[in-house]
Amino acid sequence: MFHGFAGILGKRHEESYTHVQAVRAACYGYGGHTQEYRYHRG
């Protein structure tokens, strides 16, 4: 991860952290609808 971001963002501090968060489709979205709603409504 560190080397991948360094290739995109340039020189990084030697101590860098990556935060990954799994979010259910029913918990987020945009335009007033969740991602789950968009999936089922097509």
N, C-alpha and C. Protein backbone atom coordinates (compact mmCIF):
# COMPACT_ATOMS: atom_id res chain seq x y z
N MET A 1 0.83 -1.17 0.00
CA MET A 1 0.00 0.00 0.00
C MET A 1 0.88 1.24 0.00
N PHE A 2 1.89 1.23 0.85
CA PHE A 2 2.79 2.37 0.97
C PHE A 2 3.44 2.71 -0.37
N HIS A 3 3.97 1.69 -1.04
CA HIS A 3 4.64 1.92 -2.32
C HIS A 3 3.66 2.34 -3.41
N GLY A 4 2.48 1.81 -3.39
CA GLY A 4 1.46 2.19 -4.37
C GLY A 4 1.08 3.66 -4.24
N PHE A 5 0.85 4.11 -3.02
CA PHE A 5 0.51 5.51 -2.80
C PHE A 5 1.70 6.42 -3.12
N ALA A 6 2.89 5.97 -2.80
CA ALA A 6 4.07 6.77 -3.10
C ALA A 6 4.19 6.98 -4.61
N GLY A 7 3.82 5.97 -5.40
CA GLY A 7 3.85 6.10 -6.85
C GLY A 7 2.83 7.11 -7.36
N ILE A 8 1.73 7.27 -6.64
CA ILE A 8 0.67 8.19 -7.04
C ILE A 8 0.90 9.58 -6.44
N LEU A 9 1.21 9.61 -5.15
CA LEU A 9 1.27 10.88 -4.41
C LEU A 9 2.67 11.45 -4.25
N GLY A 10 3.68 10.67 -4.60
CA GLY A 10 5.05 11.14 -4.40
C GLY A 10 5.59 10.70 -3.05
N LYS A 11 6.64 11.36 -2.63
CA LYS A 11 7.31 10.98 -1.39
C LYS A 11 6.37 11.06 -0.19
N ARG A 12 6.33 10.00 0.58
CA ARG A 12 5.49 9.90 1.77
C ARG A 12 6.38 9.81 3.00
N HIS A 13 5.86 10.18 4.14
CA HIS A 13 6.57 10.01 5.40
C HIS A 13 6.76 8.53 5.63
N GLU A 14 7.83 8.15 6.27
CA GLU A 14 8.12 6.73 6.48
C GLU A 14 7.08 6.03 7.35
N GLU A 15 6.32 6.78 8.12
CA GLU A 15 5.23 6.21 8.90
C GLU A 15 3.90 6.71 8.33
N SER A 16 3.29 5.90 7.51
CA SER A 16 2.00 6.23 6.92
C SER A 16 1.01 5.13 7.24
N TYR A 17 -0.25 5.49 7.34
CA TYR A 17 -1.28 4.52 7.72
C TYR A 17 -2.39 4.50 6.68
N THR A 18 -2.95 3.34 6.47
CA THR A 18 -4.09 3.17 5.57
C THR A 18 -5.26 2.69 6.41
N HIS A 19 -6.38 3.36 6.25
CA HIS A 19 -7.59 3.00 7.00
C HIS A 19 -8.61 2.46 6.00
N VAL A 20 -9.05 1.24 6.22
CA VAL A 20 -10.05 0.62 5.36
C VAL A 20 -11.31 0.40 6.19
N GLN A 21 -12.42 0.85 5.65
CA GLN A 21 -13.67 0.71 6.39
C GLN A 21 -14.70 0.04 5.48
N ALA A 22 -15.23 -1.08 5.93
CA ALA A 22 -16.29 -1.77 5.19
C ALA A 22 -17.62 -1.14 5.60
N VAL A 23 -18.33 -0.61 4.65
CA VAL A 23 -19.59 0.08 4.93
C VAL A 23 -20.70 -0.62 4.16
N ARG A 24 -21.75 -0.98 4.86
CA ARG A 24 -22.88 -1.63 4.21
C ARG A 24 -23.58 -0.68 3.25
N ALA A 25 -24.05 -1.23 2.15
CA ALA A 25 -24.70 -0.42 1.12
C ALA A 25 -25.94 0.30 1.65
N ALA A 26 -26.54 -0.24 2.71
CA ALA A 26 -27.73 0.39 3.28
C ALA A 26 -27.39 1.57 4.18
N CYS A 27 -26.10 1.79 4.42
CA CYS A 27 -25.68 2.83 5.36
C CYS A 27 -25.16 4.10 4.69
N TYR A 28 -24.97 4.09 3.39
CA TYR A 28 -24.46 5.30 2.76
C TYR A 28 -25.02 5.43 1.35
N GLY A 29 -24.89 6.58 0.79
CA GLY A 29 -25.38 6.83 -0.56
C GLY A 29 -25.23 8.29 -0.89
N TYR A 30 -26.02 8.76 -1.83
CA TYR A 30 -26.00 10.16 -2.22
C TYR A 30 -27.30 10.48 -2.91
N GLY A 31 -27.62 11.76 -3.01
CA GLY A 31 -28.86 12.16 -3.67
C GLY A 31 -30.11 11.71 -2.95
N GLY A 32 -30.01 11.42 -1.66
CA GLY A 32 -31.18 11.02 -0.89
C GLY A 32 -31.50 9.54 -0.93
N HIS A 33 -30.69 8.74 -1.63
CA HIS A 33 -30.92 7.30 -1.71
C HIS A 33 -29.66 6.54 -1.34
N THR A 34 -29.84 5.41 -0.64
CA THR A 34 -28.69 4.57 -0.29
C THR A 34 -28.22 3.81 -1.52
N GLN A 35 -27.03 3.28 -1.44
CA GLN A 35 -26.50 2.46 -2.53
C GLN A 35 -27.35 1.20 -2.72
N GLU A 36 -27.83 0.64 -1.62
CA GLU A 36 -28.68 -0.55 -1.69
C GLU A 36 -29.97 -0.24 -2.46
N TYR A 37 -30.58 0.89 -2.16
CA TYR A 37 -31.79 1.31 -2.87
C TYR A 37 -31.51 1.43 -4.36
N ARG A 38 -30.40 2.06 -4.71
CA ARG A 38 -30.04 2.24 -6.13
C ARG A 38 -29.83 0.89 -6.82
N TYR A 39 -29.22 -0.06 -6.11
CA TYR A 39 -28.98 -1.39 -6.67
C TYR A 39 -30.31 -2.09 -7.00
N HIS A 40 -31.23 -2.05 -6.07
CA HIS A 40 -32.51 -2.76 -6.27
C HIS A 40 -33.44 -2.05 -7.24
N ARG A 41 -33.34 -0.74 -7.35
CA ARG A 41 -34.20 0.02 -8.24
C ARG A 41 -33.63 0.16 -9.64
N GLY A 42 -32.31 -0.17 -9.77
CA GLY A 42 -31.65 -0.13 -11.09
C GLY A 42 -31.62 1.21 -11.66
